[in-house]
Amino acid sequence: MITPKVSPWKRSRVEELTEVLNSDGVVGIVDVGGVPASNMLDMRSNLRESMKITMAKKTLIRLAWINSGRSSEELDTLFENAVQPCIVQSNLNPFELFIELEKTRQGRSAKEGELAPIDIIVEQGPTSFGPGPIVGEFNAVGIPAKIDKGKVAIQKTTTVVEQGQPISGDLGIMLAKLDIHPIEIGIILTGAIEDGFFFP
């Protein structure tokens, strides 16, 4: 039987992650999937005082998790809805940690093909845009617009995309012009462990 060779950097990375998992305080998993790098830097700098976020590949987190004597079933639960999981370590309790991380939630513009997290509704009423080709651009993506009193106005409240449906690139651009940023991003806590107690 041939044993697979593990590269030294992977071994030392797993050791570092195991140390983080065995450190004092609360340890958990957060999901940073879909957060652009620039937003991530801002979020992390605001949170630096109260917690430490360590990024690593899922496989390395799993190895470190098992190394630290924790249950792989618990990790499966924490990984369940996480697109890009990271380890979080904090002196806050799990509830305070959750509240702090909730503050990082923010909206961003939709990109081509992303699924609408909720029904996306454009409300009837005036916009800040003057007359021009933008009227046609709104109408082309299903947002009924016309000129009213020298400004572009949305003619009626319209659901432009239903929950779970893909958003077209052109619609994403027009929604952003209306300050509608439907894709929610943030550092989302999937669960934490404190003194051996598991809080999914």
N, C-alpha and C. Protein backbone atom coordinates (compact mmCIF):
# COMPACT_ATOMS: atom_id res chain seq x y z
N MET A 1 0.86 -1.21 0.00
CA MET A 1 0.00 0.00 0.00
C MET A 1 0.88 1.25 0.00
N ILE A 2 0.59 2.19 -0.90
CA ILE A 2 1.38 3.42 -0.99
C ILE A 2 0.68 4.51 -0.19
N THR A 3 1.40 5.12 0.74
CA THR A 3 0.80 6.23 1.52
C THR A 3 1.05 7.53 0.76
N PRO A 4 0.01 8.34 0.62
CA PRO A 4 0.20 9.60 -0.12
C PRO A 4 1.14 10.53 0.62
N LYS A 5 1.99 11.22 -0.16
CA LYS A 5 2.93 12.18 0.44
C LYS A 5 2.20 13.49 0.67
N VAL A 6 2.33 14.03 1.88
CA VAL A 6 1.74 15.34 2.20
C VAL A 6 2.86 16.36 2.18
N SER A 7 2.68 17.42 1.39
CA SER A 7 3.75 18.42 1.29
C SER A 7 3.96 19.10 2.64
N PRO A 8 5.23 19.47 2.95
CA PRO A 8 5.55 20.06 4.26
C PRO A 8 4.73 21.31 4.57
N TRP A 9 4.48 22.16 3.57
CA TRP A 9 3.72 23.39 3.84
C TRP A 9 2.30 23.07 4.28
N LYS A 10 1.71 22.00 3.69
CA LYS A 10 0.35 21.61 4.09
C LYS A 10 0.35 21.13 5.53
N ARG A 11 1.38 20.34 5.87
CA ARG A 11 1.46 19.80 7.23
C ARG A 11 1.59 20.94 8.25
N SER A 12 2.46 21.92 7.93
CA SER A 12 2.66 23.02 8.88
C SER A 12 1.42 23.92 8.93
N ARG A 13 0.71 24.05 7.79
CA ARG A 13 -0.53 24.84 7.77
C ARG A 13 -1.59 24.18 8.65
N VAL A 14 -1.70 22.87 8.55
CA VAL A 14 -2.67 22.13 9.38
C VAL A 14 -2.33 22.30 10.86
N GLU A 15 -1.03 22.29 11.17
CA GLU A 15 -0.61 22.49 12.57
C GLU A 15 -1.02 23.89 13.06
N GLU A 16 -0.82 24.91 12.21
CA GLU A 16 -1.21 26.29 12.56
C GLU A 16 -2.72 26.37 12.80
N LEU A 17 -3.49 25.75 11.91
CA LEU A 17 -4.95 25.78 12.02
C LEU A 17 -5.42 25.04 13.28
N THR A 18 -4.73 23.94 13.59
CA THR A 18 -5.07 23.17 14.80
C THR A 18 -4.86 24.03 16.04
N GLU A 19 -3.77 24.80 16.03
CA GLU A 19 -3.49 25.72 17.16
C GLU A 19 -4.61 26.74 17.32
N VAL A 20 -5.07 27.29 16.19
CA VAL A 20 -6.16 28.27 16.22
C VAL A 20 -7.41 27.62 16.82
N LEU A 21 -7.72 26.40 16.37
CA LEU A 21 -8.91 25.69 16.85
C LEU A 21 -8.82 25.35 18.33
N ASN A 22 -7.59 25.17 18.82
CA ASN A 22 -7.40 24.82 20.24
C ASN A 22 -7.19 26.04 21.13
N SER A 23 -7.25 27.24 20.53
CA SER A 23 -7.00 28.45 21.33
C SER A 23 -8.19 28.74 22.25
N ASP A 24 -7.96 29.59 23.23
CA ASP A 24 -9.01 29.93 24.20
C ASP A 24 -10.13 30.72 23.53
N GLY A 25 -11.28 30.73 24.19
CA GLY A 25 -12.41 31.51 23.68
C GLY A 25 -13.30 30.68 22.77
N VAL A 26 -14.03 31.38 21.94
CA VAL A 26 -15.00 30.75 21.04
C VAL A 26 -14.35 30.51 19.68
N VAL A 27 -14.61 29.34 19.12
CA VAL A 27 -14.11 29.00 17.78
C VAL A 27 -15.33 28.67 16.92
N GLY A 28 -15.32 29.13 15.69
CA GLY A 28 -16.45 28.82 14.82
C GLY A 28 -16.04 28.84 13.36
N ILE A 29 -17.03 28.67 12.50
CA ILE A 29 -16.83 28.74 11.06
C ILE A 29 -17.69 29.88 10.51
N VAL A 30 -17.07 30.70 9.67
CA VAL A 30 -17.82 31.75 8.98
C VAL A 30 -17.75 31.50 7.48
N ASP A 31 -18.73 32.01 6.76
CA ASP A 31 -18.74 31.90 5.30
C ASP A 31 -18.50 33.28 4.72
N VAL A 32 -17.49 33.39 3.85
CA VAL A 32 -17.20 34.68 3.20
C VAL A 32 -17.44 34.59 1.69
N GLY A 33 -18.19 33.57 1.27
CA GLY A 33 -18.47 33.36 -0.16
C GLY A 33 -19.10 34.58 -0.79
N GLY A 34 -18.57 34.99 -1.95
CA GLY A 34 -19.16 36.11 -2.69
C GLY A 34 -18.75 37.49 -2.23
N VAL A 35 -17.92 37.56 -1.17
CA VAL A 35 -17.48 38.88 -0.69
C VAL A 35 -16.26 39.32 -1.49
N PRO A 36 -16.34 40.43 -2.24
CA PRO A 36 -15.17 40.90 -2.99
C PRO A 36 -14.01 41.25 -2.03
N ALA A 37 -12.79 41.13 -2.54
CA ALA A 37 -11.59 41.34 -1.70
C ALA A 37 -11.58 42.69 -1.02
N SER A 38 -12.00 43.75 -1.74
CA SER A 38 -11.96 45.10 -1.16
C SER A 38 -12.93 45.20 0.03
N ASN A 39 -14.14 44.62 -0.14
CA ASN A 39 -15.12 44.62 0.97
C ASN A 39 -14.59 43.81 2.14
N MET A 40 -13.94 42.69 1.82
CA MET A 40 -13.42 41.80 2.86
C MET A 40 -12.38 42.52 3.72
N LEU A 41 -11.52 43.30 3.09
CA LEU A 41 -10.49 44.05 3.83
C LEU A 41 -11.13 45.04 4.80
N ASP A 42 -12.16 45.75 4.33
CA ASP A 42 -12.89 46.70 5.19
C ASP A 42 -13.54 45.99 6.37
N MET A 43 -14.22 44.88 6.07
CA MET A 43 -14.93 44.13 7.11
C MET A 43 -13.95 43.63 8.17
N ARG A 44 -12.84 43.06 7.70
CA ARG A 44 -11.86 42.49 8.64
C ARG A 44 -11.21 43.56 9.50
N SER A 45 -10.93 44.74 8.90
CA SER A 45 -10.29 45.81 9.69
C SER A 45 -11.24 46.30 10.78
N ASN A 46 -12.55 46.33 10.49
CA ASN A 46 -13.52 46.75 11.50
C ASN A 46 -13.69 45.72 12.61
N LEU A 47 -13.39 44.46 12.32
CA LEU A 47 -13.61 43.39 13.30
C LEU A 47 -12.35 42.99 14.05
N ARG A 48 -11.20 43.55 13.62
CA ARG A 48 -9.90 43.09 14.13
C ARG A 48 -9.81 43.06 15.65
N GLU A 49 -10.46 44.04 16.32
CA GLU A 49 -10.38 44.14 17.78
C GLU A 49 -11.00 42.92 18.47
N SER A 50 -12.09 42.42 17.91
CA SER A 50 -12.88 41.43 18.65
C SER A 50 -12.73 39.99 18.17
N MET A 51 -12.08 39.77 17.02
CA MET A 51 -11.97 38.40 16.53
C MET A 51 -10.85 38.26 15.50
N LYS A 52 -10.47 37.00 15.25
CA LYS A 52 -9.44 36.71 14.26
C LYS A 52 -10.05 35.73 13.25
N ILE A 53 -9.96 36.09 11.97
CA ILE A 53 -10.49 35.22 10.91
C ILE A 53 -9.31 34.62 10.14
N THR A 54 -9.30 33.30 10.05
CA THR A 54 -8.20 32.59 9.38
C THR A 54 -8.76 31.88 8.15
N MET A 55 -8.21 32.24 6.98
CA MET A 55 -8.68 31.64 5.73
C MET A 55 -7.83 30.42 5.40
N ALA A 56 -8.49 29.37 4.91
CA ALA A 56 -7.78 28.15 4.49
C ALA A 56 -8.72 27.31 3.63
N LYS A 57 -8.14 26.33 2.93
CA LYS A 57 -8.97 25.45 2.10
C LYS A 57 -9.77 24.52 3.01
N LYS A 58 -10.94 24.11 2.50
CA LYS A 58 -11.83 23.22 3.26
C LYS A 58 -11.10 21.97 3.74
N THR A 59 -10.31 21.36 2.85
CA THR A 59 -9.64 20.10 3.20
C THR A 59 -8.68 20.30 4.38
N LEU A 60 -7.97 21.44 4.40
CA LEU A 60 -7.02 21.71 5.48
C LEU A 60 -7.77 22.01 6.78
N ILE A 61 -8.89 22.74 6.68
CA ILE A 61 -9.71 23.00 7.88
C ILE A 61 -10.19 21.67 8.45
N ARG A 62 -10.63 20.77 7.56
CA ARG A 62 -11.14 19.46 8.01
C ARG A 62 -10.06 18.67 8.74
N LEU A 63 -8.85 18.64 8.18
CA LEU A 63 -7.74 17.92 8.82
C LEU A 63 -7.43 18.51 10.19
N ALA A 64 -7.40 19.84 10.27
CA ALA A 64 -7.10 20.51 11.54
C ALA A 64 -8.22 20.27 12.55
N TRP A 65 -9.44 20.26 12.07
CA TRP A 65 -10.61 20.04 12.93
C TRP A 65 -10.51 18.67 13.61
N ILE A 66 -10.21 17.65 12.80
CA ILE A 66 -10.08 16.28 13.33
C ILE A 66 -8.87 16.20 14.25
N ASN A 67 -7.76 16.85 13.86
CA ASN A 67 -6.54 16.92 14.68
C ASN A 67 -6.82 17.48 16.07
N SER A 68 -7.73 18.46 16.12
CA SER A 68 -8.01 19.12 17.40
C SER A 68 -9.00 18.33 18.25
N GLY A 69 -9.37 17.14 17.76
CA GLY A 69 -10.23 16.25 18.55
C GLY A 69 -11.70 16.60 18.49
N ARG A 70 -12.08 17.39 17.47
CA ARG A 70 -13.49 17.78 17.37
C ARG A 70 -14.24 16.81 16.44
N SER A 71 -15.57 16.86 16.54
CA SER A 71 -16.41 15.93 15.78
C SER A 71 -16.54 16.36 14.32
N SER A 72 -16.31 15.40 13.41
CA SER A 72 -16.41 15.73 11.98
C SER A 72 -17.88 15.97 11.59
N GLU A 73 -18.84 15.38 12.35
CA GLU A 73 -20.27 15.62 12.08
C GLU A 73 -20.60 17.10 12.33
N GLU A 74 -20.01 17.66 13.41
CA GLU A 74 -20.24 19.08 13.69
C GLU A 74 -19.71 19.94 12.55
N LEU A 75 -18.53 19.59 12.05
CA LEU A 75 -17.95 20.36 10.95
C LEU A 75 -18.82 20.26 9.70
N ASP A 76 -19.35 19.06 9.44
CA ASP A 76 -20.25 18.89 8.28
C ASP A 76 -21.44 19.83 8.38
N THR A 77 -21.98 19.98 9.61
CA THR A 77 -23.12 20.89 9.84
C THR A 77 -22.70 22.34 9.54
N LEU A 78 -21.50 22.71 10.00
CA LEU A 78 -21.02 24.09 9.81
C LEU A 78 -20.69 24.38 8.34
N PHE A 79 -20.24 23.35 7.63
CA PHE A 79 -19.88 23.50 6.21
C PHE A 79 -21.11 23.49 5.29
N GLU A 80 -22.23 23.01 5.80
CA GLU A 80 -23.40 22.70 4.97
C GLU A 80 -23.76 23.81 3.98
N ASN A 81 -23.91 25.05 4.46
CA ASN A 81 -24.32 26.14 3.57
C ASN A 81 -23.19 27.13 3.30
N ALA A 82 -21.97 26.74 3.65
CA ALA A 82 -20.83 27.66 3.48
C ALA A 82 -20.19 27.47 2.11
N VAL A 83 -20.11 28.55 1.34
CA VAL A 83 -19.48 28.50 0.02
C VAL A 83 -17.95 28.58 0.19
N GLN A 84 -17.51 29.51 1.02
CA GLN A 84 -16.07 29.70 1.26
C GLN A 84 -15.84 29.83 2.77
N PRO A 85 -15.72 28.68 3.46
CA PRO A 85 -15.60 28.73 4.92
C PRO A 85 -14.23 29.18 5.41
N CYS A 86 -14.23 29.85 6.54
CA CYS A 86 -13.00 30.27 7.24
C CYS A 86 -13.20 29.98 8.73
N ILE A 87 -12.09 29.92 9.46
CA ILE A 87 -12.16 29.73 10.90
C ILE A 87 -12.21 31.10 11.57
N VAL A 88 -13.07 31.23 12.57
CA VAL A 88 -13.11 32.47 13.36
C VAL A 88 -12.82 32.11 14.82
N GLN A 89 -12.00 32.93 15.46
CA GLN A 89 -11.67 32.73 16.88
C GLN A 89 -11.90 34.06 17.58
N SER A 90 -12.59 34.02 18.72
CA SER A 90 -12.97 35.27 19.38
C SER A 90 -13.13 35.09 20.88
N ASN A 91 -12.99 36.21 21.60
CA ASN A 91 -13.26 36.21 23.04
C ASN A 91 -14.72 36.58 23.33
N LEU A 92 -15.47 36.93 22.28
CA LEU A 92 -16.90 37.20 22.45
C LEU A 92 -17.62 35.86 22.61
N ASN A 93 -18.80 35.88 23.26
CA ASN A 93 -19.56 34.64 23.30
C ASN A 93 -20.26 34.44 21.95
N PRO A 94 -20.79 33.24 21.65
CA PRO A 94 -21.36 32.99 20.32
C PRO A 94 -22.44 33.99 19.91
N PHE A 95 -23.25 34.47 20.87
CA PHE A 95 -24.34 35.38 20.53
C PHE A 95 -23.79 36.77 20.19
N GLU A 96 -22.80 37.23 20.96
CA GLU A 96 -22.15 38.53 20.67
C GLU A 96 -21.42 38.45 19.32
N LEU A 97 -20.80 37.30 19.08
CA LEU A 97 -20.06 37.08 17.82
C LEU A 97 -21.03 37.18 16.64
N PHE A 98 -22.18 36.52 16.77
CA PHE A 98 -23.20 36.55 15.72
C PHE A 98 -23.65 37.99 15.44
N ILE A 99 -23.90 38.77 16.52
CA ILE A 99 -24.37 40.16 16.38
C ILE A 99 -23.31 41.01 15.67
N GLU A 100 -22.04 40.84 16.05
CA GLU A 100 -20.94 41.61 15.42
C GLU A 100 -20.84 41.30 13.93
N LEU A 101 -20.93 40.00 13.61
CA LEU A 101 -20.79 39.60 12.21
C LEU A 101 -21.99 40.00 11.36
N GLU A 102 -23.17 40.07 11.99
CA GLU A 102 -24.37 40.51 11.26
C GLU A 102 -24.19 41.94 10.72
N LYS A 103 -23.38 42.74 11.44
CA LYS A 103 -23.15 44.14 11.02
C LYS A 103 -22.39 44.22 9.70
N THR A 104 -21.74 43.11 9.29
CA THR A 104 -20.98 43.14 8.04
C THR A 104 -21.87 42.92 6.82
N ARG A 105 -23.12 42.54 7.04
CA ARG A 105 -24.00 42.27 5.89
C ARG A 105 -24.25 43.55 5.10
N GLN A 106 -24.14 43.47 3.79
CA GLN A 106 -24.39 44.61 2.92
C GLN A 106 -24.81 44.11 1.54
N GLY A 107 -25.39 45.00 0.75
CA GLY A 107 -25.82 44.60 -0.59
C GLY A 107 -24.77 44.97 -1.63
N ARG A 108 -24.73 44.21 -2.69
CA ARG A 108 -23.89 44.59 -3.84
C ARG A 108 -24.68 44.36 -5.12
N SER A 109 -24.19 44.95 -6.19
CA SER A 109 -24.88 44.83 -7.49
C SER A 109 -24.88 43.37 -7.95
N ALA A 110 -25.92 43.03 -8.70
CA ALA A 110 -26.04 41.66 -9.22
C ALA A 110 -25.20 41.51 -10.48
N LYS A 111 -24.57 40.34 -10.60
CA LYS A 111 -23.79 40.03 -11.81
C LYS A 111 -24.59 39.05 -12.67
N GLU A 112 -24.23 38.98 -13.94
CA GLU A 112 -24.88 38.09 -14.91
C GLU A 112 -25.06 36.68 -14.34
N GLY A 113 -26.32 36.19 -14.36
CA GLY A 113 -26.59 34.80 -14.00
C GLY A 113 -26.78 34.53 -12.51
N GLU A 114 -26.52 35.52 -11.64
CA GLU A 114 -26.74 35.29 -10.21
C GLU A 114 -28.24 35.15 -9.95
N LEU A 115 -28.58 34.32 -8.95
CA LEU A 115 -29.99 34.07 -8.65
C LEU A 115 -30.51 35.11 -7.66
N ALA A 116 -31.72 35.56 -7.90
CA ALA A 116 -32.34 36.56 -7.01
C ALA A 116 -32.61 35.93 -5.65
N PRO A 117 -32.07 36.51 -4.55
CA PRO A 117 -32.29 35.93 -3.23
C PRO A 117 -33.73 36.14 -2.73
N ILE A 118 -34.39 37.16 -3.28
CA ILE A 118 -35.80 37.46 -2.97
C ILE A 118 -36.41 38.01 -4.25
N ASP A 119 -37.75 38.23 -4.25
CA ASP A 119 -38.36 38.92 -5.39
C ASP A 119 -37.74 40.32 -5.47
N ILE A 120 -37.27 40.71 -6.66
CA ILE A 120 -36.69 42.05 -6.82
C ILE A 120 -37.76 42.96 -7.42
N ILE A 121 -38.12 43.96 -6.63
CA ILE A 121 -39.23 44.85 -7.00
C ILE A 121 -38.71 46.27 -7.22
N VAL A 122 -39.10 46.87 -8.34
CA VAL A 122 -38.77 48.27 -8.61
C VAL A 122 -40.05 49.07 -8.38
N GLU A 123 -39.95 50.05 -7.48
CA GLU A 123 -41.13 50.84 -7.08
C GLU A 123 -41.46 51.93 -8.11
N GLN A 124 -42.74 52.20 -8.25
CA GLN A 124 -43.21 53.30 -9.10
C GLN A 124 -42.73 54.63 -8.52
N GLY A 125 -42.41 55.58 -9.41
CA GLY A 125 -42.06 56.91 -8.92
C GLY A 125 -40.95 57.55 -9.72
N PRO A 126 -40.62 58.81 -9.40
CA PRO A 126 -39.60 59.54 -10.15
C PRO A 126 -38.19 59.02 -9.84
N THR A 127 -37.28 59.25 -10.78
CA THR A 127 -35.85 58.94 -10.56
C THR A 127 -35.08 60.26 -10.66
N SER A 128 -33.77 60.16 -10.47
CA SER A 128 -32.94 61.37 -10.57
C SER A 128 -32.44 61.62 -12.00
N PHE A 129 -32.83 60.73 -12.94
CA PHE A 129 -32.29 60.81 -14.30
C PHE A 129 -33.07 61.77 -15.18
N GLY A 130 -32.33 62.55 -15.97
CA GLY A 130 -32.95 63.43 -16.96
C GLY A 130 -33.29 62.63 -18.21
N PRO A 131 -34.02 63.25 -19.17
CA PRO A 131 -34.40 62.56 -20.40
C PRO A 131 -33.16 62.08 -21.17
N GLY A 132 -33.31 60.95 -21.85
CA GLY A 132 -32.20 60.42 -22.64
C GLY A 132 -32.40 58.95 -22.93
N PRO A 133 -31.37 58.31 -23.48
CA PRO A 133 -31.49 56.90 -23.90
C PRO A 133 -31.76 55.94 -22.72
N ILE A 134 -31.56 56.42 -21.50
CA ILE A 134 -31.77 55.56 -20.33
C ILE A 134 -33.21 55.07 -20.24
N VAL A 135 -34.17 55.85 -20.80
CA VAL A 135 -35.59 55.42 -20.79
C VAL A 135 -35.71 54.09 -21.54
N GLY A 136 -35.10 54.03 -22.72
CA GLY A 136 -35.13 52.80 -23.52
C GLY A 136 -34.41 51.65 -22.82
N GLU A 137 -33.31 51.99 -22.13
CA GLU A 137 -32.53 50.95 -21.42
C GLU A 137 -33.36 50.34 -20.29
N PHE A 138 -34.10 51.18 -19.56
CA PHE A 138 -34.97 50.66 -18.50
C PHE A 138 -36.04 49.74 -19.10
N ASN A 139 -36.71 50.24 -20.15
CA ASN A 139 -37.79 49.46 -20.78
C ASN A 139 -37.27 48.13 -21.34
N ALA A 140 -36.05 48.14 -21.86
CA ALA A 140 -35.47 46.93 -22.47
C ALA A 140 -35.29 45.80 -21.45
N VAL A 141 -35.12 46.15 -20.17
CA VAL A 141 -34.93 45.11 -19.15
C VAL A 141 -36.21 44.88 -18.32
N GLY A 142 -37.33 45.43 -18.80
CA GLY A 142 -38.61 45.16 -18.14
C GLY A 142 -38.98 46.12 -17.03
N ILE A 143 -38.28 47.29 -16.98
CA ILE A 143 -38.63 48.32 -16.00
C ILE A 143 -39.38 49.42 -16.77
N PRO A 144 -40.71 49.51 -16.61
CA PRO A 144 -41.48 50.47 -17.42
C PRO A 144 -41.18 51.92 -17.03
N ALA A 145 -40.58 52.66 -17.97
CA ALA A 145 -40.17 54.04 -17.67
C ALA A 145 -40.64 54.99 -18.76
N LYS A 146 -40.84 56.26 -18.37
CA LYS A 146 -41.18 57.31 -19.33
C LYS A 146 -40.72 58.65 -18.75
N ILE A 147 -40.75 59.71 -19.57
CA ILE A 147 -40.39 61.04 -19.08
C ILE A 147 -41.63 61.68 -18.45
N ASP A 148 -41.44 62.21 -17.25
CA ASP A 148 -42.54 62.87 -16.55
C ASP A 148 -41.96 64.10 -15.83
N LYS A 149 -42.46 65.28 -16.19
CA LYS A 149 -41.98 66.54 -15.59
C LYS A 149 -40.46 66.69 -15.69
N GLY A 150 -39.93 66.34 -16.86
CA GLY A 150 -38.51 66.54 -17.12
C GLY A 150 -37.57 65.51 -16.51
N LYS A 151 -38.13 64.48 -15.89
CA LYS A 151 -37.30 63.42 -15.28
C LYS A 151 -37.81 62.06 -15.74
N VAL A 152 -36.91 61.07 -15.68
CA VAL A 152 -37.33 59.70 -15.98
C VAL A 152 -38.11 59.20 -14.76
N ALA A 153 -39.30 58.62 -15.02
CA ALA A 153 -40.12 58.08 -13.92
C ALA A 153 -40.45 56.61 -14.20
N ILE A 154 -40.46 55.82 -13.15
CA ILE A 154 -40.90 54.42 -13.28
C ILE A 154 -42.43 54.45 -13.25
N GLN A 155 -43.06 53.88 -14.28
CA GLN A 155 -44.51 54.01 -14.47
C GLN A 155 -45.32 53.23 -13.46
N LYS A 156 -44.88 52.02 -13.13
CA LYS A 156 -45.63 51.23 -12.14
C LYS A 156 -44.68 50.30 -11.40
N THR A 157 -45.07 49.95 -10.16
CA THR A 157 -44.28 49.03 -9.34
C THR A 157 -44.27 47.67 -10.04
N THR A 158 -43.05 47.15 -10.27
CA THR A 158 -42.88 45.93 -11.07
C THR A 158 -41.92 44.96 -10.40
N THR A 159 -42.30 43.67 -10.37
CA THR A 159 -41.37 42.61 -9.94
C THR A 159 -40.56 42.24 -11.18
N VAL A 160 -39.27 42.61 -11.18
CA VAL A 160 -38.45 42.40 -12.39
C VAL A 160 -37.82 41.00 -12.41
N VAL A 161 -37.60 40.42 -11.23
CA VAL A 161 -37.09 39.05 -11.15
C VAL A 161 -37.72 38.39 -9.92
N GLU A 162 -38.19 37.17 -10.08
CA GLU A 162 -38.75 36.45 -8.94
C GLU A 162 -37.62 35.71 -8.21
N GLN A 163 -37.85 35.46 -6.93
CA GLN A 163 -36.86 34.76 -6.09
C GLN A 163 -36.42 33.47 -6.77
N GLY A 164 -35.09 33.24 -6.78
CA GLY A 164 -34.55 32.00 -7.34
C GLY A 164 -34.28 32.03 -8.82
N GLN A 165 -34.74 33.11 -9.50
CA GLN A 165 -34.54 33.21 -10.94
C GLN A 165 -33.23 33.96 -11.24
N PRO A 166 -32.57 33.63 -12.37
CA PRO A 166 -31.33 34.32 -12.71
C PRO A 166 -31.55 35.78 -13.10
N ILE A 167 -30.57 36.61 -12.77
CA ILE A 167 -30.62 38.04 -13.08
C ILE A 167 -29.72 38.27 -14.29
N SER A 168 -30.24 38.96 -15.31
CA SER A 168 -29.41 39.22 -16.49
C SER A 168 -28.40 40.32 -16.17
N GLY A 169 -27.29 40.31 -16.90
CA GLY A 169 -26.24 41.31 -16.69
C GLY A 169 -26.76 42.73 -16.89
N ASP A 170 -27.59 42.92 -17.96
CA ASP A 170 -28.13 44.25 -18.26
C ASP A 170 -29.06 44.72 -17.15
N LEU A 171 -29.89 43.80 -16.63
CA LEU A 171 -30.81 44.18 -15.55
C LEU A 171 -30.01 44.55 -14.29
N GLY A 172 -28.96 43.78 -14.01
CA GLY A 172 -28.10 44.08 -12.85
C GLY A 172 -27.54 45.50 -12.92
N ILE A 173 -27.12 45.92 -14.12
CA ILE A 173 -26.57 47.27 -14.33
C ILE A 173 -27.64 48.33 -14.08
N MET A 174 -28.85 48.09 -14.60
CA MET A 174 -29.93 49.07 -14.45
C MET A 174 -30.42 49.14 -13.01
N LEU A 175 -30.44 48.01 -12.32
CA LEU A 175 -30.83 48.01 -10.90
C LEU A 175 -29.83 48.83 -10.08
N ALA A 176 -28.53 48.66 -10.42
CA ALA A 176 -27.49 49.40 -9.70
C ALA A 176 -27.68 50.91 -9.91
N LYS A 177 -28.11 51.30 -11.10
CA LYS A 177 -28.36 52.73 -11.38
C LYS A 177 -29.49 53.27 -10.50
N LEU A 178 -30.40 52.36 -10.11
CA LEU A 178 -31.51 52.76 -9.23
C LEU A 178 -31.16 52.53 -7.74
N ASP A 179 -29.87 52.23 -7.50
CA ASP A 179 -29.40 51.97 -6.13
C ASP A 179 -30.04 50.72 -5.53
N ILE A 180 -30.35 49.75 -6.37
CA ILE A 180 -30.86 48.47 -5.88
C ILE A 180 -29.72 47.45 -5.97
N HIS A 181 -29.26 47.01 -4.83
CA HIS A 181 -28.13 46.06 -4.74
C HIS A 181 -28.64 44.77 -4.09
N PRO A 182 -29.19 43.85 -4.90
CA PRO A 182 -29.94 42.72 -4.33
C PRO A 182 -29.11 41.57 -3.77
N ILE A 183 -27.83 41.50 -4.10
CA ILE A 183 -27.03 40.36 -3.64
C ILE A 183 -26.43 40.69 -2.29
N GLU A 184 -26.85 39.94 -1.28
CA GLU A 184 -26.38 40.21 0.08
C GLU A 184 -25.06 39.50 0.31
N ILE A 185 -24.09 40.25 0.83
CA ILE A 185 -22.80 39.66 1.17
C ILE A 185 -22.49 40.01 2.63
N GLY A 186 -21.53 39.30 3.17
CA GLY A 186 -21.12 39.55 4.55
C GLY A 186 -20.34 38.36 5.08
N ILE A 187 -19.82 38.53 6.28
CA ILE A 187 -19.13 37.42 6.96
C ILE A 187 -20.20 36.75 7.81
N ILE A 188 -20.66 35.60 7.34
CA ILE A 188 -21.83 34.94 7.95
C ILE A 188 -21.36 33.81 8.88
N LEU A 189 -21.77 33.88 10.13
CA LEU A 189 -21.42 32.84 11.10
C LEU A 189 -22.32 31.62 10.86
N THR A 190 -21.71 30.46 10.57
CA THR A 190 -22.51 29.24 10.38
C THR A 190 -22.65 28.47 11.69
N GLY A 191 -21.79 28.77 12.66
CA GLY A 191 -21.88 28.11 13.96
C GLY A 191 -20.61 28.31 14.76
N ALA A 192 -20.71 28.03 16.08
CA ALA A 192 -19.56 28.24 16.96
C ALA A 192 -19.56 27.21 18.09
N ILE A 193 -18.39 27.07 18.71
CA ILE A 193 -18.23 26.16 19.84
C ILE A 193 -17.63 26.93 21.00
N GLU A 194 -18.26 26.82 22.17
CA GLU A 194 -17.76 27.48 23.37
C GLU A 194 -17.78 26.48 24.51
N ASP A 195 -16.60 26.26 25.14
CA ASP A 195 -16.48 25.32 26.27
C ASP A 195 -17.09 23.96 25.94
N GLY A 196 -16.88 23.50 24.69
CA GLY A 196 -17.39 22.19 24.32
C GLY A 196 -18.84 22.18 23.88
N PHE A 197 -19.55 23.32 24.04
CA PHE A 197 -20.96 23.39 23.61
C PHE A 197 -21.03 23.88 22.16
N PHE A 198 -21.83 23.20 21.37
CA PHE A 198 -21.93 23.45 19.93
C PHE A 198 -23.16 24.30 19.66
N PHE A 199 -22.95 25.45 18.98
CA PHE A 199 -24.05 26.36 18.63
C PHE A 199 -24.13 26.47 17.12
N PRO A 200 -24.93 25.61 16.45
CA PRO A 200 -25.00 25.73 14.98
C PRO A 200 -25.82 26.96 14.58
